[in-house]
Amino acid sequence: MQESNITSVTDFILLGFQSLQRFKAIFLFILLVMYSMTLCGNLLIITLVSYSKNLQTPMYLFLTQLSTSDIMLTTTIVPNMLHNIVNEVGTISFVGCITQFYFFAATECSECLLLTVMSYDRYLAICNPLRYNCIMDSALCIQLIIISWLISFTLVLIDTVTLALLHFCGHQMIDHFYCDFPPLLELSCSDTSVLQLEAIFIGFPVVILPFILIIVSYLYIIQAILRLSSFTEQQKAFSTCSSHLIIVSFFYTALFCIYVLPTRGQSRSISKVFSLFYTVVTPLINPIIYSLRNKDMKKAFEKYSCKIAL
């Protein structure tokens, strides 16, 4: 009898930020500006690294992949969110919802792995400078990039397929602005314990383990910097990894606030704010930090600007 009462869900309703409907025009404008700046900033980094021979090093090659991940992440979420704000309540098909979740989760996992690869690159550059060029050659760089993307999209696909096979019943309203894992589980009338356990097993190699490796890498990096006799040398060594460290801090702080901290007593509005920072603000911060704090990037931009002007 229970099986006969289960109706097949064909679409979901994303409630989004209903409390901000009075400020819809302002909110829409801010999101549109931030999305445009995110695209321009990350595309600029990719263009500058491709154009400038001085930037064609492993660190900047990994940075272009991080920018690609940021573009994919924000494009997966923001355009649909802008459409929903205009229409006050947005409808998304079941297939569209599952697809959005897949690309969102895959790009986030790839970002975790790419940040880990970048921390390993900084570890080699600071702790083993004499062997750096020998170890971190172009072949290893390409292998690390391919492995990062391949692991992310393969493991998340397993979770996504299991999620798509769940039965959804009752109301179809998702009190969020995109299709995320916890809100979808709340709508399911199936037993989700296996899926939650599966998510933990998948999350360990793409989220938890990378975070541990980043922490360990920076412990060795800090030790190596403190051993330097000159303060100038210490400052120069730290400057090569400070931008990456800031981005890691922003990324994992937002990640833990959404998925690790207990949600009991946490209002849905607060959860949405954390998610907004995670999916919209962080991809915008990354190119700003690397542009403003990096002298090589500034020089490349000046040369590229002069070439365009001529």
Protein backbone atom coordinates (compact mmCIF):
# COMPACT_ATOMS: atom_id res chain seq x y z
CA MET A 1 0.00 0.00 0.00
CA GLN A 2 2.84 2.39 0.75
CA GLU A 3 4.35 1.90 -2.70
CA SER A 4 1.03 2.77 -4.37
CA ASN A 5 0.78 6.02 -2.41
CA ILE A 6 4.18 7.25 -3.64
CA THR A 7 3.82 9.68 -6.52
CA SER A 8 6.65 10.36 -8.91
CA VAL A 9 8.04 13.89 -8.52
CA THR A 10 8.70 15.62 -11.84
CA ASP A 11 9.82 19.02 -10.54
CA PHE A 12 10.75 20.94 -7.41
CA ILE A 13 10.03 24.48 -6.23
CA LEU A 14 13.05 26.46 -5.00
CA LEU A 15 11.81 29.00 -2.45
CA GLY A 16 15.07 30.93 -2.44
CA PHE A 17 15.18 34.24 -0.53
CA GLN A 18 11.49 35.01 -0.12
CA SER A 19 12.17 37.37 2.79
CA LEU A 20 14.12 39.65 0.44
CA GLN A 21 11.33 40.13 -2.09
CA ARG A 22 10.94 43.77 -1.03
CA PHE A 23 14.57 44.32 -2.01
CA LYS A 24 14.38 42.14 -5.11
CA ALA A 25 15.77 44.76 -7.51
CA ILE A 26 18.76 45.58 -5.28
CA PHE A 27 19.50 41.92 -4.53
CA LEU A 28 19.22 41.04 -8.21
CA PHE A 29 21.59 43.86 -9.17
CA ILE A 30 24.19 42.89 -6.54
CA LEU A 31 24.14 39.24 -7.58
CA LEU A 32 24.40 40.15 -11.26
CA VAL A 33 27.39 42.42 -10.60
CA MET A 34 29.12 39.80 -8.45
CA TYR A 35 28.50 37.08 -11.02
CA SER A 36 29.89 39.27 -13.82
CA MET A 37 32.94 40.17 -11.74
CA THR A 38 33.52 36.49 -10.90
CA LEU A 39 33.44 35.50 -14.56
CA CYS A 40 35.66 38.40 -15.65
CA GLY A 41 38.16 37.93 -12.81
CA ASN A 42 38.61 34.20 -13.30
CA LEU A 43 38.68 34.46 -17.09
CA LEU A 44 41.30 37.19 -16.73
CA ILE A 45 43.51 34.87 -14.66
CA ILE A 46 43.19 32.09 -17.25
CA THR A 47 43.98 34.55 -20.06
CA LEU A 48 46.99 36.11 -18.29
CA VAL A 49 48.54 32.73 -17.45
CA SER A 50 48.05 31.59 -21.06
CA TYR A 51 49.48 34.87 -22.43
CA SER A 52 52.46 35.49 -20.12
CA LYS A 53 55.48 33.17 -20.30
CA ASN A 54 56.50 34.28 -16.79
CA LEU A 55 53.25 32.86 -15.39
CA GLN A 56 53.50 29.46 -17.07
CA THR A 57 54.69 27.71 -13.93
CA PRO A 58 53.03 24.89 -11.93
CA MET A 59 51.58 27.29 -9.34
CA TYR A 60 49.78 29.40 -11.95
CA LEU A 61 48.77 26.35 -13.97
CA PHE A 62 46.98 25.02 -10.90
CA LEU A 63 45.49 28.48 -10.38
CA THR A 64 43.88 28.37 -13.83
CA GLN A 65 42.23 25.09 -12.87
CA LEU A 66 40.96 26.67 -9.66
CA SER A 67 39.54 29.54 -11.71
CA THR A 68 37.88 27.05 -14.06
CA SER A 69 36.31 25.33 -11.06
CA ASP A 70 35.06 28.68 -9.73
CA ILE A 71 33.49 29.56 -13.09
CA MET A 72 31.73 26.19 -13.26
CA LEU A 73 30.51 26.48 -9.66
CA THR A 74 29.04 29.96 -9.92
CA THR A 75 27.54 29.26 -13.36
CA THR A 76 25.83 26.16 -11.97
CA ILE A 77 24.11 28.18 -9.24
CA VAL A 78 23.79 31.89 -10.03
CA PRO A 79 21.97 32.08 -13.42
CA ASN A 80 19.16 29.85 -12.15
CA MET A 81 19.04 31.84 -8.90
CA LEU A 82 18.72 35.13 -10.84
CA HIS A 83 15.88 33.61 -12.86
CA ASN A 84 14.11 32.51 -9.66
CA ILE A 85 14.47 35.95 -8.07
CA VAL A 86 12.83 37.60 -11.08
CA ASN A 87 9.97 35.07 -10.99
CA GLU A 88 9.76 35.18 -7.14
CA VAL A 89 9.45 31.37 -6.94
CA GLY A 90 11.49 29.14 -9.24
CA THR A 91 10.56 25.74 -10.57
CA ILE A 92 13.26 23.28 -11.51
CA SER A 93 12.71 19.86 -13.06
CA PHE A 94 13.74 16.70 -11.23
CA VAL A 95 16.43 16.00 -13.82
CA GLY A 96 17.59 19.63 -13.70
CA CYS A 97 17.78 19.52 -9.90
CA ILE A 98 19.83 16.32 -9.85
CA THR A 99 22.08 17.69 -12.62
CA GLN A 100 22.64 20.94 -10.71
CA PHE A 101 23.54 19.00 -7.57
CA TYR A 102 26.00 16.83 -9.52
CA PHE A 103 27.94 19.69 -11.07
CA PHE A 104 27.83 21.72 -7.85
CA ALA A 105 29.19 18.85 -5.74
CA ALA A 106 31.75 17.79 -8.36
CA THR A 107 33.21 21.29 -8.74
CA GLU A 108 33.37 21.73 -4.97
CA CYS A 109 35.20 18.42 -4.57
CA SER A 110 37.57 19.34 -7.41
CA GLU A 111 38.29 22.63 -5.64
CA CYS A 112 39.22 20.74 -2.46
CA LEU A 113 41.63 18.54 -4.41
CA LEU A 114 43.09 21.43 -6.42
CA LEU A 115 43.73 23.43 -3.24
CA THR A 116 45.52 20.35 -1.88
CA VAL A 117 47.65 20.05 -5.02
CA MET A 118 48.51 23.76 -4.73
CA SER A 119 49.57 23.28 -1.10
CA TYR A 120 51.81 20.38 -2.16
CA ASP A 121 53.32 22.62 -4.82
CA ARG A 122 54.07 25.30 -2.19
CA TYR A 123 55.50 22.65 0.13
CA LEU A 124 57.96 21.49 -2.53
CA ALA A 125 58.90 25.06 -3.51
CA ILE A 126 59.68 26.12 0.07
CA CYS A 127 60.83 22.90 1.76
CA ASN A 128 62.66 21.32 -1.21
CA PRO A 129 63.61 24.24 -3.49
CA LEU A 130 66.62 22.49 -5.05
CA ARG A 131 64.57 19.48 -6.15
CA TYR A 132 61.41 21.46 -7.02
CA ASN A 133 61.95 21.71 -10.79
CA CYS A 134 62.96 18.07 -10.96
CA ILE A 135 59.87 16.80 -9.09
CA MET A 136 57.16 19.25 -10.18
CA ASP A 137 57.62 18.94 -13.93
CA SER A 138 54.93 19.46 -16.56
CA ALA A 139 54.04 15.75 -16.69
CA LEU A 140 53.34 15.59 -12.95
CA CYS A 141 51.32 18.83 -13.12
CA ILE A 142 49.06 17.46 -15.83
CA GLN A 143 48.68 14.14 -14.01
CA LEU A 144 47.67 15.88 -10.76
CA ILE A 145 45.13 18.05 -12.58
CA ILE A 146 43.57 15.11 -14.45
CA ILE A 147 43.42 13.00 -11.28
CA SER A 148 41.77 15.85 -9.32
CA TRP A 149 39.00 16.33 -11.90
CA LEU A 150 38.54 12.62 -12.55
CA ILE A 151 38.22 11.65 -8.88
CA SER A 152 35.76 14.48 -8.20
CA PHE A 153 33.37 13.80 -11.07
CA THR A 154 33.56 10.00 -10.65
CA LEU A 155 32.94 9.81 -6.89
CA VAL A 156 30.18 12.42 -6.92
CA LEU A 157 28.48 10.53 -9.76
CA ILE A 158 28.07 7.54 -7.43
CA ASP A 159 26.36 9.70 -4.81
CA THR A 160 24.22 11.44 -7.43
CA VAL A 161 22.94 8.22 -8.98
CA THR A 162 21.94 6.91 -5.53
CA LEU A 163 20.21 10.22 -4.78
CA ALA A 164 18.30 10.11 -8.07
CA LEU A 165 16.98 6.63 -7.24
CA LEU A 166 15.29 7.83 -4.03
CA HIS A 167 11.51 8.20 -3.84
CA PHE A 168 10.28 11.75 -3.24
CA CYS A 169 6.83 12.34 -1.83
CA GLY A 170 4.82 14.97 0.00
CA HIS A 171 5.47 18.62 -0.83
CA GLN A 172 7.94 19.53 -3.54
CA MET A 173 9.22 22.78 -2.01
CA ILE A 174 12.97 23.12 -1.34
CA ASP A 175 13.62 25.91 1.16
CA HIS A 176 16.89 26.83 -0.51
CA PHE A 177 18.13 28.65 -3.62
CA TYR A 178 19.71 25.57 -5.23
CA CYS A 179 19.47 21.79 -5.06
CA ASP A 180 21.77 20.82 -2.22
CA PHE A 181 22.21 17.46 -0.52
CA PRO A 182 20.51 18.05 2.90
CA PRO A 183 17.32 19.72 1.54
CA LEU A 184 16.86 16.92 -0.99
CA LEU A 185 17.22 14.27 1.72
CA GLU A 186 14.53 16.04 3.75
CA LEU A 187 12.06 15.67 0.87
CA SER A 188 12.70 11.97 0.36
CA CYS A 189 10.33 9.38 1.80
CA SER A 190 12.90 6.61 1.26
CA ASP A 191 15.40 5.32 3.81
CA THR A 192 18.38 7.66 3.37
CA SER A 193 20.72 6.07 5.92
CA VAL A 194 22.66 4.19 3.23
CA LEU A 195 23.02 7.35 1.16
CA GLN A 196 24.23 9.35 4.17
CA LEU A 197 26.81 6.67 4.95
CA GLU A 198 27.84 6.64 1.29
CA ALA A 199 28.27 10.43 1.37
CA ILE A 200 30.59 10.13 4.38
CA PHE A 201 32.76 7.51 2.67
CA ILE A 202 32.91 9.60 -0.51
CA GLY A 203 33.51 12.82 1.40
CA PHE A 204 36.57 11.50 3.23
CA PRO A 205 38.95 11.22 0.21
CA VAL A 206 37.74 14.45 -1.45
CA VAL A 207 37.12 16.76 1.54
CA ILE A 208 38.49 15.53 4.88
CA LEU A 209 41.74 13.94 3.67
CA PRO A 210 42.65 16.94 1.47
CA PHE A 211 42.08 19.27 4.44
CA ILE A 212 44.40 17.14 6.61
CA LEU A 213 47.06 17.13 3.89
CA ILE A 214 46.83 20.92 3.56
CA ILE A 215 47.28 21.35 7.33
CA VAL A 216 50.30 19.01 7.35
CA SER A 217 51.83 20.78 4.32
CA TYR A 218 51.58 24.17 6.01
CA LEU A 219 53.04 22.86 9.26
CA TYR A 220 56.15 21.83 7.30
CA ILE A 221 56.10 25.10 5.37
CA ILE A 222 55.95 27.18 8.58
CA GLN A 223 58.82 25.17 10.08
CA ALA A 224 60.91 25.72 6.94
CA ILE A 225 60.19 29.46 6.93
CA LEU A 226 61.11 29.85 10.60
CA ARG A 227 64.47 28.18 9.94
CA LEU A 228 65.44 30.93 7.50
CA SER A 229 67.98 33.27 9.07
CA SER A 230 66.90 36.49 7.35
CA PHE A 231 63.55 38.18 8.04
CA THR A 232 63.49 39.30 4.40
CA GLU A 233 63.81 35.70 3.25
CA GLN A 234 61.05 34.65 5.65
CA GLN A 235 58.76 37.38 4.35
CA LYS A 236 59.47 36.48 0.74
CA ALA A 237 58.85 32.77 1.37
CA PHE A 238 55.60 33.43 3.18
CA SER A 239 54.37 35.78 0.45
CA THR A 240 54.54 32.94 -2.10
CA CYS A 241 51.89 30.95 -0.21
CA SER A 242 49.90 33.64 1.63
CA SER A 243 47.30 34.03 -1.14
CA HIS A 244 46.69 30.28 -1.24
CA LEU A 245 46.43 30.15 2.56
CA ILE A 246 43.81 32.94 2.58
CA ILE A 247 41.72 31.17 -0.06
CA VAL A 248 41.93 27.86 1.84
CA SER A 249 40.79 29.63 5.01
CA PHE A 250 37.76 31.21 3.30
CA PHE A 251 36.82 28.01 1.49
CA TYR A 252 36.99 25.57 4.38
CA THR A 253 35.47 27.99 6.90
CA ALA A 254 32.36 28.32 4.73
CA LEU A 255 32.37 24.57 4.00
CA PHE A 256 32.47 23.59 7.67
CA CYS A 257 29.83 26.17 8.65
CA ILE A 258 27.38 24.60 6.17
CA TYR A 259 28.06 20.86 6.35
CA VAL A 260 30.02 20.13 9.54
CA LEU A 261 28.62 22.38 12.29
CA PRO A 262 25.37 21.11 13.86
CA THR A 263 22.29 22.54 12.16
CA ARG A 264 20.00 22.24 15.16
CA GLY A 265 18.91 25.69 16.26
CA GLN A 266 20.34 27.16 13.08
CA SER A 267 17.66 28.95 11.08
CA ARG A 268 17.25 28.20 7.41
CA SER A 269 18.06 31.87 6.65
CA ILE A 270 21.49 31.58 8.30
CA SER A 271 22.15 28.38 6.37
CA LYS A 272 21.27 30.19 3.13
CA VAL A 273 23.64 33.06 3.98
CA PHE A 274 26.52 30.62 4.53
CA SER A 275 25.64 28.88 1.26
CA LEU A 276 25.50 32.22 -0.54
CA PHE A 277 28.97 33.08 0.72
CA TYR A 278 30.20 29.62 -0.26
CA THR A 279 28.78 29.60 -3.80
CA VAL A 280 28.88 33.29 -4.80
CA VAL A 281 31.34 35.25 -2.66
CA THR A 282 34.21 32.73 -2.50
CA PRO A 283 34.55 32.35 -6.30
CA LEU A 284 34.73 36.16 -6.48
CA ILE A 285 37.31 36.46 -3.69
CA ASN A 286 39.78 34.03 -5.28
CA PRO A 287 40.74 36.13 -8.34
CA ILE A 288 40.71 39.34 -6.28
CA ILE A 289 43.20 37.93 -3.77
CA TYR A 290 45.52 36.55 -6.43
CA SER A 291 45.29 39.76 -8.48
CA LEU A 292 45.87 42.23 -5.65
CA ARG A 293 48.53 40.25 -3.76
CA ASN A 294 50.58 38.98 -6.68
CA LYS A 295 53.23 41.15 -8.33
CA ASP A 296 53.74 38.78 -11.28
CA MET A 297 50.02 38.85 -12.03
CA LYS A 298 50.00 42.66 -11.90
CA LYS A 299 52.95 42.89 -14.30
CA ALA A 300 51.32 40.45 -16.70
CA PHE A 301 48.10 42.46 -16.60
CA GLU A 302 49.97 45.70 -17.38
CA LYS A 303 51.74 44.12 -20.34
CA TYR A 304 48.50 42.56 -21.60
CA SER A 305 46.67 45.91 -21.24
CA CYS A 306 49.38 47.75 -23.17
CA LYS A 307 49.26 45.15 -25.95
CA ILE A 308 45.48 45.52 -26.26
CA ALA A 309 45.77 49.33 -26.26
CA LEU A 310 48.28 49.20 -29.12
